[in-house]
N, C-alpha and C. Protein backbone atom coordinates (compact mmCIF):
# COMPACT_ATOMS: atom_id res chain seq x y z
N MET A 1 0.75 -1.20 -0.12
CA MET A 1 -0.10 -0.12 -0.11
C MET A 1 0.82 1.10 -0.01
N PRO A 2 0.45 2.21 -1.06
CA PRO A 2 1.52 3.38 -0.86
C PRO A 2 1.34 4.26 0.32
N THR A 3 2.48 5.07 0.78
CA THR A 3 2.35 5.72 1.66
C THR A 3 1.76 7.10 1.43
N MET A 4 1.31 7.91 2.25
CA MET A 4 0.71 9.18 2.21
C MET A 4 1.62 10.28 2.03
N LEU A 5 2.00 11.20 1.43
CA LEU A 5 2.58 12.24 1.44
C LEU A 5 1.95 13.70 1.62
N THR A 6 2.55 14.48 2.44
CA THR A 6 1.85 15.60 2.98
C THR A 6 2.50 16.47 2.45
N LEU A 7 2.12 17.50 1.61
CA LEU A 7 2.61 18.92 1.48
C LEU A 7 2.08 20.23 2.33
N ARG A 8 2.67 20.96 2.70
CA ARG A 8 2.40 22.43 2.95
C ARG A 8 2.85 23.53 2.16
N LEU A 9 1.81 23.96 1.74
CA LEU A 9 2.41 25.28 0.75
C LEU A 9 2.31 26.38 1.44
N VAL A 10 3.27 27.78 0.84
CA VAL A 10 3.36 28.62 1.67
C VAL A 10 2.12 29.61 1.24
N GLN A 11 1.41 29.54 0.08
CA GLN A 11 0.29 29.90 -0.25
C GLN A 11 -0.49 29.06 -0.49
N PRO A 12 -1.96 29.43 -0.46
CA PRO A 12 -3.05 28.48 -0.97
C PRO A 12 -3.18 28.44 -2.39
N ILE A 13 -3.58 27.13 -3.17
CA ILE A 13 -3.61 27.06 -4.65
C ILE A 13 -4.86 27.75 -4.64
N ALA A 14 -4.82 28.86 -5.73
CA ALA A 14 -6.16 29.53 -6.30
C ALA A 14 -6.96 28.83 -7.42
N ALA A 15 -6.22 27.79 -8.00
CA ALA A 15 -6.99 27.21 -9.13
C ALA A 15 -6.10 26.02 -9.65
N VAL A 16 -7.09 25.18 -10.22
CA VAL A 16 -6.18 23.93 -10.64
C VAL A 16 -6.73 23.70 -12.13
N SER A 17 -6.03 23.46 -13.35
CA SER A 17 -6.57 23.15 -14.34
C SER A 17 -5.52 21.97 -14.94
N LEU A 18 -6.24 21.20 -15.65
CA LEU A 18 -5.77 19.87 -16.08
C LEU A 18 -5.46 20.43 -17.76
N SER A 19 -4.29 19.88 -18.30
CA SER A 19 -4.09 20.07 -19.60
C SER A 19 -3.52 18.89 -20.24
N GLY A 20 -3.80 18.90 -21.74
CA GLY A 20 -3.44 17.41 -22.38
C GLY A 20 -4.69 16.87 -22.39
N PRO A 21 -4.77 15.95 -23.47
CA PRO A 21 -6.01 15.11 -23.46
C PRO A 21 -6.02 14.23 -22.33
N LEU A 22 -7.09 13.60 -21.60
CA LEU A 22 -7.30 12.51 -20.89
C LEU A 22 -6.91 11.15 -21.61
N PRO A 23 -6.24 9.74 -20.84
CA PRO A 23 -6.02 8.99 -21.38
C PRO A 23 -7.24 8.22 -21.50
N ALA A 24 -7.24 7.20 -22.41
CA ALA A 24 -8.62 6.41 -23.09
C ALA A 24 -9.19 6.16 -21.75
N PRO A 25 -10.54 5.57 -22.03
CA PRO A 25 -11.36 5.27 -20.55
C PRO A 25 -10.66 4.20 -20.35
N SER A 26 -10.24 3.15 -21.06
CA SER A 26 -9.71 1.78 -20.55
C SER A 26 -8.21 1.93 -19.87
N ALA A 27 -7.58 3.06 -20.19
CA ALA A 27 -6.07 3.39 -19.51
C ALA A 27 -6.37 4.29 -18.11
N ARG A 28 -7.41 4.63 -18.03
CA ARG A 28 -7.79 5.27 -16.84
C ARG A 28 -8.66 5.02 -15.80
N ARG A 29 -8.70 3.64 -15.58
CA ARG A 29 -9.39 2.87 -14.46
C ARG A 29 -9.40 3.56 -13.33
N ASP A 30 -8.31 4.24 -12.66
CA ASP A 30 -8.22 4.53 -11.46
C ASP A 30 -8.63 6.17 -11.05
N LEU A 31 -8.80 6.90 -12.44
CA LEU A 31 -9.25 7.84 -12.15
C LEU A 31 -10.82 8.05 -12.18
N PRO A 32 -11.78 8.62 -11.24
CA PRO A 32 -12.98 8.71 -11.11
C PRO A 32 -13.82 9.61 -12.09
N GLU A 33 -14.81 9.27 -12.59
CA GLU A 33 -15.51 9.71 -13.58
C GLU A 33 -16.19 11.09 -12.67
N VAL A 34 -15.90 12.32 -13.32
CA VAL A 34 -16.41 13.52 -13.02
C VAL A 34 -17.56 13.83 -13.64
N PRO A 35 -18.46 13.89 -12.68
CA PRO A 35 -20.14 14.30 -13.52
C PRO A 35 -20.13 15.71 -13.39
N SER A 36 -20.70 16.21 -14.25
CA SER A 36 -21.11 17.79 -14.46
C SER A 36 -21.72 18.47 -13.37
N ALA A 37 -22.76 17.73 -12.78
CA ALA A 37 -23.40 18.53 -11.85
C ALA A 37 -23.94 17.28 -10.90
N GLY A 38 -24.27 17.74 -9.64
CA GLY A 38 -25.13 16.69 -8.74
C GLY A 38 -24.13 16.68 -7.51
N PRO A 39 -24.69 15.76 -6.38
CA PRO A 39 -24.09 15.62 -5.32
C PRO A 39 -22.44 15.24 -5.22
N GLU A 40 -22.52 14.19 -6.33
CA GLU A 40 -21.07 13.54 -6.41
C GLU A 40 -20.18 14.80 -6.73
N SER A 41 -20.43 15.65 -7.47
CA SER A 41 -19.53 16.84 -8.00
C SER A 41 -19.24 17.85 -6.69
N GLU A 42 -20.02 17.85 -5.54
CA GLU A 42 -19.75 18.49 -4.37
C GLU A 42 -18.57 17.77 -3.70
N SER A 43 -19.00 16.41 -3.59
CA SER A 43 -17.96 15.67 -3.13
C SER A 43 -16.61 15.73 -3.65
N GLN A 44 -16.32 15.97 -5.01
CA GLN A 44 -15.25 15.65 -5.61
C GLN A 44 -14.44 17.20 -5.46
N LYS A 45 -15.27 18.28 -5.28
CA LYS A 45 -14.57 19.63 -5.18
C LYS A 45 -14.25 19.74 -4.00
N ALA A 46 -14.97 18.76 -2.93
CA ALA A 46 -14.38 18.93 -1.31
C ALA A 46 -13.07 18.06 -1.26
N GLN A 47 -12.95 17.12 -2.19
CA GLN A 47 -11.66 16.27 -2.15
C GLN A 47 -10.68 17.18 -2.84
N LEU A 48 -11.09 17.95 -3.88
CA LEU A 48 -9.91 18.74 -4.27
C LEU A 48 -9.68 19.92 -3.71
N VAL A 49 -10.62 20.44 -2.90
CA VAL A 49 -9.98 21.46 -1.92
C VAL A 49 -9.06 20.79 -0.69
N GLN A 50 -9.64 19.41 -0.36
CA GLN A 50 -8.47 18.97 0.76
C GLN A 50 -7.22 18.79 0.17
N LEU A 51 -7.17 18.39 -1.17
CA LEU A 51 -5.78 18.16 -1.77
C LEU A 51 -5.08 19.06 -1.97
N CYS A 52 -5.67 20.09 -2.36
CA CYS A 52 -5.24 21.69 -2.43
C CYS A 52 -4.45 21.82 -1.05
N ARG A 53 -5.22 21.68 -0.14
CA ARG A 53 -4.61 22.11 1.30
C ARG A 53 -3.32 21.38 1.96
N THR A 54 -3.73 20.08 1.20
CA THR A 54 -2.38 19.26 1.51
C THR A 54 -1.24 19.47 0.86
N ILE A 55 -1.42 19.95 -0.30
CA ILE A 55 -0.17 20.16 -1.05
C ILE A 55 0.63 21.74 -0.67
N ASN A 56 -0.35 22.68 -0.12
CA ASN A 56 0.03 24.00 0.30
C ASN A 56 0.78 23.66 1.42
N GLY A 57 0.11 22.37 2.44
CA GLY A 57 0.96 22.44 3.56
C GLY A 57 2.46 21.73 3.51
N MET A 58 2.38 20.79 2.36
CA MET A 58 3.57 20.37 1.95
C MET A 58 4.65 21.27 1.52
N VAL A 59 4.33 22.30 0.66
CA VAL A 59 5.24 23.46 0.00
C VAL A 59 5.75 24.39 1.45
N ALA A 60 4.58 24.57 2.37
CA ALA A 60 5.21 25.33 3.64
C ALA A 60 6.14 24.31 4.24
N SER A 61 5.96 23.09 4.65
CA SER A 61 7.17 22.32 5.18
C SER A 61 8.52 22.46 4.41
N LEU A 62 8.15 22.46 3.06
CA LEU A 62 9.73 22.15 2.37
C LEU A 62 10.36 23.55 2.23
N ASP A 63 9.40 24.78 2.41
CA ASP A 63 10.05 25.98 2.39
C ASP A 63 10.99 26.10 3.83
N ARG A 64 9.98 25.81 4.46
CA ARG A 64 10.61 25.82 6.34
C ARG A 64 12.03 25.06 6.20
N LEU A 65 11.91 24.05 5.63
CA LEU A 65 13.08 22.84 5.67
C LEU A 65 14.18 23.64 4.61
N HIS A 66 13.99 24.34 3.70
CA HIS A 66 14.85 24.92 2.83
C HIS A 66 15.37 26.08 3.70
N GLN A 67 14.80 26.87 4.58
CA GLN A 67 14.98 28.17 5.33
C GLN A 67 16.09 27.35 6.42
N GLU A 68 15.55 26.45 7.38
CA GLU A 68 16.62 25.91 8.08
C GLU A 68 18.07 25.24 7.92
N THR A 69 17.90 24.77 6.54
CA THR A 69 19.01 24.35 5.80
C THR A 69 20.00 25.48 5.47
N LEU A 70 19.35 26.33 4.80
CA LEU A 70 20.35 27.45 4.46
C LEU A 70 20.66 28.21 6.09
N ALA A 71 20.16 28.38 6.68
CA ALA A 71 20.79 28.95 7.81
C ALA A 71 21.91 28.21 8.60
N ARG A 72 21.59 27.03 8.40
CA ARG A 72 22.95 25.86 9.15
C ARG A 72 23.90 26.14 8.08
N ASN A 73 24.06 26.08 7.04
CA ASN A 73 24.79 25.91 6.12
C ASN A 73 25.64 27.40 6.05
N ARG A 74 24.74 28.23 6.13
CA ARG A 74 25.70 30.02 6.23
C ARG A 74 26.63 29.71 7.32
N THR A 75 26.10 29.08 8.45
CA THR A 75 27.26 29.26 9.44
C THR A 75 28.16 28.47 9.33
N GLU A 76 28.18 27.16 8.63
CA GLU A 76 29.08 26.16 8.45
C GLU A 76 30.31 26.83 7.58
N ILE A 77 29.52 27.66 6.32
CA ILE A 77 30.47 27.92 5.29
C ILE A 77 31.18 29.15 5.68
N ALA A 78 30.75 30.17 6.73
CA ALA A 78 31.46 31.03 7.08
C ALA A 78 32.55 30.55 7.97
N ARG A 79 32.22 29.67 8.96
CA ARG A 79 33.35 28.92 9.57
C ARG A 79 34.24 28.49 8.59
N LEU A 80 34.07 27.81 7.47
CA LEU A 80 34.94 27.05 6.86
C LEU A 80 35.74 28.23 6.03
N ALA A 81 35.15 29.34 5.59
CA ALA A 81 35.61 30.56 4.88
C ALA A 81 36.69 30.86 5.84
N VAL A 82 36.71 31.11 6.78
CA VAL A 82 37.34 31.69 7.99
C VAL A 82 38.55 30.48 8.33
N GLU A 83 38.15 29.49 8.31
CA GLU A 83 39.74 28.33 8.44
C GLU A 83 40.31 28.61 7.16
N ILE A 84 39.69 28.54 6.07
CA ILE A 84 40.61 28.59 4.88
C ILE A 84 41.41 29.70 4.87
N ALA A 85 40.77 30.95 5.17
CA ALA A 85 41.79 32.31 5.21
C ALA A 85 42.79 32.27 6.15
N ARG A 86 42.61 31.29 7.55
CA ARG A 86 43.67 31.09 8.67
C ARG A 86 44.88 30.67 7.88
N LYS A 87 44.40 29.36 7.37
CA LYS A 87 45.55 28.46 6.80
C LYS A 87 46.30 29.12 5.94
N ILE A 88 45.74 30.21 4.87
CA ILE A 88 46.26 30.78 4.03
C ILE A 88 47.30 31.89 4.37
N LEU A 89 47.02 32.47 5.34
CA LEU A 89 47.41 33.75 6.05
C LEU A 89 48.67 32.94 6.95
N MET A 90 48.45 32.09 7.43
CA MET A 90 49.52 31.26 8.32
C MET A 90 50.67 31.00 7.42
N ASP A 91 50.31 30.51 6.58
CA ASP A 91 51.15 29.83 5.48
C ASP A 91 52.06 31.02 4.75
N LYS A 92 51.32 32.12 4.40
CA LYS A 92 52.08 33.31 3.84
C LYS A 92 52.91 33.84 5.01
N ALA A 93 52.55 34.13 6.32
CA ALA A 93 53.42 34.49 7.31
C ALA A 93 54.49 33.95 7.67
N GLY A 94 54.41 32.31 7.27
CA GLY A 94 55.27 31.52 7.61
C GLY A 94 56.59 31.86 6.65
N LYS A 95 55.91 32.29 5.22
CA LYS A 95 56.80 32.23 4.28
C LYS A 95 57.45 33.67 3.99
N GLY A 96 57.11 34.65 5.15
CA GLY A 96 57.39 35.81 4.80
C GLY A 96 56.91 36.85 3.58
N GLU A 97 55.74 36.34 3.01
CA GLU A 97 55.01 36.78 2.10
C GLU A 97 54.07 37.76 2.49
N TYR A 98 54.57 39.05 2.91
CA TYR A 98 53.31 39.70 3.38
C TYR A 98 54.16 41.28 3.39
N ASP A 99 53.55 42.34 3.56
CA ASP A 99 54.15 43.52 3.60
C ASP A 99 53.98 44.24 4.87
N ILE A 100 55.03 44.30 5.87
CA ILE A 100 55.19 44.63 7.46
C ILE A 100 55.01 46.08 7.16
N GLN A 101 55.56 46.81 6.33
CA GLN A 101 55.43 48.22 6.17
C GLN A 101 53.94 48.67 6.37
N ALA A 102 53.02 48.05 5.59
CA ALA A 102 51.80 48.28 5.45
C ALA A 102 51.02 48.06 6.55
N ILE A 103 51.26 46.55 6.87
CA ILE A 103 50.52 46.41 8.30
C ILE A 103 50.84 47.30 9.53
N VAL A 104 52.21 47.70 9.53
CA VAL A 104 52.22 48.67 10.71
C VAL A 104 51.70 49.98 10.50
N GLU A 105 51.52 50.21 9.26
CA GLU A 105 50.83 51.82 9.09
C GLU A 105 49.54 51.60 9.01
N GLU A 106 48.95 50.57 8.75
CA GLU A 106 47.36 50.51 9.03
C GLU A 106 47.18 50.48 10.69
N ALA A 107 47.97 49.74 11.44
CA ALA A 107 47.76 49.85 12.86
C ALA A 107 48.11 51.03 13.40
N LEU A 108 48.95 51.85 12.75
CA LEU A 108 49.17 53.53 13.28
C LEU A 108 47.90 54.29 13.07
N LYS A 109 47.31 53.91 12.04
CA LYS A 109 46.12 54.80 11.58
C LYS A 109 44.95 54.56 12.75
N ARG A 110 45.09 53.56 13.36
CA ARG A 110 44.10 53.27 14.50
C ARG A 110 44.68 53.66 15.74
N ALA A 111 45.91 54.05 16.02
CA ALA A 111 46.34 54.41 17.15
C ALA A 111 45.43 55.64 17.76
N PRO A 112 45.35 55.87 19.01
CA PRO A 112 44.81 57.05 19.65
C PRO A 112 45.32 58.02 19.58
N THR A 113 47.01 57.91 19.40
CA THR A 113 47.81 58.91 19.60
C THR A 113 48.78 58.97 18.95
N ARG A 114 49.71 60.01 18.44
CA ARG A 114 51.01 59.85 17.77
C ARG A 114 52.06 60.19 18.71
N GLN A 115 52.06 60.23 19.86
CA GLN A 115 52.84 60.53 20.87
C GLN A 115 53.35 59.36 21.67
N LYS A 116 54.74 59.20 21.65
CA LYS A 116 55.44 58.00 22.53
C LYS A 116 55.20 57.01 22.14
N ILE A 117 55.01 56.45 20.93
CA ILE A 117 54.50 55.26 20.04
C ILE A 117 55.84 54.19 20.31
N VAL A 118 55.15 52.97 20.82
CA VAL A 118 56.39 51.80 20.59
C VAL A 118 55.35 50.90 19.87
N VAL A 119 56.33 50.41 18.76
CA VAL A 119 55.69 49.49 17.88
C VAL A 119 56.54 48.07 18.49
N ARG A 120 55.92 46.97 18.43
CA ARG A 120 56.35 45.85 19.01
C ARG A 120 56.08 44.82 17.93
N LEU A 121 57.29 44.01 17.21
CA LEU A 121 57.31 43.50 16.07
C LEU A 121 58.42 42.22 16.46
N ASN A 122 57.79 41.23 15.65
CA ASN A 122 58.67 40.09 15.74
C ASN A 122 59.99 40.45 15.16
N PRO A 123 61.22 39.83 15.92
CA PRO A 123 62.45 40.18 15.49
C PRO A 123 62.68 40.00 13.98
N GLU A 124 62.05 38.99 13.27
CA GLU A 124 62.18 38.96 11.83
C GLU A 124 61.87 39.92 10.99
N ASP A 125 60.89 40.61 11.46
CA ASP A 125 60.21 41.72 10.71
C ASP A 125 60.91 43.30 10.99
N LEU A 126 61.45 43.23 12.54
CA LEU A 126 62.11 44.17 13.05
C LEU A 126 63.29 44.88 12.07
N ALA A 127 64.18 44.39 11.49
CA ALA A 127 65.10 44.97 10.55
C ALA A 127 64.75 45.44 9.52
N GLN A 128 63.69 45.10 8.79
CA GLN A 128 62.79 45.69 7.61
C GLN A 128 62.40 47.16 8.18
N CYS A 129 61.62 47.02 9.03
CA CYS A 129 61.05 48.18 9.57
C CYS A 129 62.29 49.39 9.88
N GLN A 130 63.00 49.06 10.55
CA GLN A 130 64.20 49.73 11.07
C GLN A 130 64.75 50.25 9.90
N ARG A 131 65.22 49.64 8.84
CA ARG A 131 65.68 49.90 7.44
C ARG A 131 64.78 50.94 6.71
N TRP A 132 63.31 51.03 6.73
CA TRP A 132 62.44 51.57 6.13
C TRP A 132 62.68 52.97 7.00
N GLN A 133 62.66 52.93 8.49
CA GLN A 133 62.58 54.19 9.29
C GLN A 133 63.86 54.96 8.89
N GLN A 134 64.84 54.29 8.60
CA GLN A 134 66.09 55.21 8.35
C GLN A 134 66.04 55.62 6.97
N GLU A 135 65.71 54.84 6.04
CA GLU A 135 65.59 55.27 4.67
C GLU A 135 64.81 56.57 4.48
N ASN A 136 63.50 56.73 5.10
CA ASN A 136 62.49 57.65 5.12
C ASN A 136 62.61 58.29 6.59
N PRO A 137 63.16 59.27 6.69
CA PRO A 137 63.45 59.83 8.05
C PRO A 137 61.88 60.88 8.24
N ASP A 138 61.31 61.18 7.21
CA ASP A 138 59.87 61.95 7.30
C ASP A 138 58.54 60.93 7.22
N GLY A 139 58.89 60.00 7.09
CA GLY A 139 57.76 58.81 6.77
C GLY A 139 56.97 58.49 7.96
N ALA A 140 56.05 57.54 7.62
CA ALA A 140 54.98 57.06 8.72
C ALA A 140 55.86 56.50 9.89
N PHE A 141 56.84 56.10 10.00
CA PHE A 141 57.77 55.68 10.73
C PHE A 141 58.38 56.58 11.62
N ALA A 142 58.58 58.03 11.36
CA ALA A 142 59.20 58.88 11.90
C ALA A 142 58.92 59.04 13.52
N GLY A 143 59.71 58.73 14.46
CA GLY A 143 59.57 59.19 15.70
C GLY A 143 59.25 58.10 16.67
N LEU A 144 59.16 57.04 15.71
CA LEU A 144 58.51 55.54 16.24
C LEU A 144 59.68 54.92 17.14
N GLU A 145 59.41 54.13 18.23
CA GLU A 145 60.26 53.14 18.91
C GLU A 145 60.27 51.83 18.72
N LEU A 146 60.82 50.99 17.60
CA LEU A 146 60.68 49.89 17.18
C LEU A 146 61.18 48.87 18.31
N ALA A 147 60.63 47.84 18.80
CA ALA A 147 61.27 46.93 19.67
C ALA A 147 60.95 45.50 19.33
N ALA A 148 61.82 44.58 19.37
CA ALA A 148 61.90 43.20 18.88
C ALA A 148 60.68 42.68 20.14
N ASP A 149 60.00 41.73 19.95
CA ASP A 149 59.29 40.95 20.78
C ASP A 149 58.96 39.42 20.27
N TRP A 150 59.39 38.63 20.64
CA TRP A 150 59.29 37.08 20.16
C TRP A 150 57.82 36.95 20.35
N SER A 151 57.14 37.28 21.12
CA SER A 151 55.71 36.88 21.58
C SER A 151 54.62 37.34 20.31
N ILE A 152 55.13 38.25 19.47
CA ILE A 152 54.20 38.69 18.20
C ILE A 152 54.75 37.94 16.88
N GLY A 153 53.74 37.26 16.21
CA GLY A 153 54.04 36.58 15.32
C GLY A 153 54.48 37.50 13.95
N ARG A 154 54.92 36.45 13.37
CA ARG A 154 55.55 37.54 11.91
C ARG A 154 54.28 37.79 11.12
N GLY A 155 54.35 39.15 10.76
CA GLY A 155 53.42 39.81 10.03
C GLY A 155 52.37 40.52 10.95
N GLU A 156 52.78 40.49 12.22
CA GLU A 156 51.88 41.12 13.25
C GLU A 156 52.70 42.20 13.80
N CYS A 157 51.79 43.07 14.51
CA CYS A 157 52.54 44.36 15.17
C CYS A 157 51.54 44.76 16.47
N LEU A 158 52.12 44.91 17.46
CA LEU A 158 51.49 45.73 18.86
C LEU A 158 52.00 47.27 18.89
N VAL A 159 50.99 47.99 18.79
CA VAL A 159 51.56 49.49 18.70
C VAL A 159 50.99 49.88 20.36
N GLU A 160 52.01 50.37 21.06
CA GLU A 160 51.77 51.01 22.37
C GLU A 160 51.68 52.59 22.38
N THR A 161 50.52 52.79 22.81
CA THR A 161 50.68 54.52 23.03
C THR A 161 50.16 54.78 24.56
N PRO A 162 50.48 55.89 25.09
CA PRO A 162 49.89 56.05 26.68
C PRO A 162 48.47 56.20 26.55
N LYS A 163 47.60 56.22 25.31
CA LYS A 163 46.14 56.16 25.68
C LYS A 163 45.56 54.76 25.23
N GLY A 164 46.69 53.73 24.97
CA GLY A 164 45.77 52.30 24.41
C GLY A 164 46.75 51.88 23.65
N ILE A 165 46.47 50.55 23.43
CA ILE A 165 47.01 49.63 22.52
C ILE A 165 46.07 49.20 21.33
N VAL A 166 46.85 49.13 19.95
CA VAL A 166 46.21 48.84 18.97
C VAL A 166 46.98 47.60 18.43
N LYS A 167 46.43 46.45 18.43
CA LYS A 167 46.83 45.02 18.08
C LYS A 167 46.46 44.90 16.74
N ALA A 168 47.50 44.34 16.02
CA ALA A 168 47.20 43.84 14.56
C ALA A 168 47.70 42.56 14.29
N PHE A 169 46.85 41.62 14.86
CA PHE A 169 47.33 40.29 14.70
C PHE A 169 46.34 39.52 14.06
N ILE A 170 46.68 38.48 13.32
CA ILE A 170 45.89 37.52 12.27
C ILE A 170 44.74 37.08 12.94
N GLU A 171 44.85 36.48 13.78
CA GLU A 171 43.59 35.79 14.72
C GLU A 171 42.34 37.09 15.01
N GLU A 172 42.99 38.17 15.60
CA GLU A 172 42.22 39.06 15.79
C GLU A 172 41.44 39.47 14.65
N HIS A 173 42.28 39.79 13.43
CA HIS A 173 41.31 39.91 12.27
C HIS A 173 40.54 38.98 11.72
N LEU A 174 40.88 37.67 11.70
CA LEU A 174 40.00 36.61 11.50
C LEU A 174 39.01 36.57 12.58
N GLU A 175 38.84 36.73 13.84
CA GLU A 175 37.96 36.80 14.70
C GLU A 175 36.79 38.14 14.25
N HIS A 176 37.57 39.29 13.74
CA HIS A 176 36.27 40.11 13.23
C HIS A 176 35.58 39.68 11.86
N ILE A 177 36.20 39.05 11.28
CA ILE A 177 35.72 38.75 10.03
C ILE A 177 34.68 37.82 10.31
N SER A 178 34.87 36.67 11.19
CA SER A 178 33.96 35.83 11.58
C SER A 178 32.87 36.37 12.09
N GLU A 179 33.16 37.39 12.83
CA GLU A 179 31.79 38.17 13.54
C GLU A 179 30.69 38.57 12.58
N ALA A 180 31.55 39.27 11.76
CA ALA A 180 30.72 40.21 10.77
C ALA A 180 29.81 39.18 9.60
N LEU A 181 30.50 37.91 9.38
CA LEU A 181 29.90 36.92 8.67
C LEU A 181 28.56 36.40 9.77
N GLN A 182 28.94 36.36 10.57
CA GLN A 182 27.50 35.82 11.46
C GLN A 182 26.62 36.81 11.69
N LYS A 183 27.04 37.78 11.64
CA LYS A 183 25.93 39.33 11.79
C LYS A 183 25.17 39.42 10.22
N ALA A 184 26.01 38.95 9.20
CA ALA A 184 25.33 39.15 7.97
C ALA A 184 24.03 38.03 7.93
N GLN A 185 24.03 36.82 8.50
CA GLN A 185 23.22 36.07 8.22
C GLN A 185 21.67 36.63 8.58
């Protein structure tokens, strides 16, 4: 015996029309005869209305399932995107494929003051920044104290000012990206 399938539609079905020719009478034994008038016609209309309600219900259920699946997958996609970015950035940092000057300059833009600034860098990045500072005495690094700090990763920096600290860490940037992706949902 076939099982009954239930559909919930988002909107009710307004009309139903059959297109194409009906099969020959011998081929449509399972189709009821549709009289043009009378009490049987009212019964068939009631059955059709019930069928339409069932289909509307099925559509609503499918739509709800679709929305739930999308919501779950968006979160998973966002998590995977951040994890992929983490692997790529860590690989590039490990190979030294980044512009430490641009990273420091961006962190300096977020510094609350330009007085008594100490920029802590990974010792492997320090030499490049010191060279840039000497070659451009009036540049963005003018007047900065540059300090080596092994706790800072390559391609990262920590800007200390009397009014606050600015962290330019890969993990913190990834966390901000993750939060933004979560809010966008």
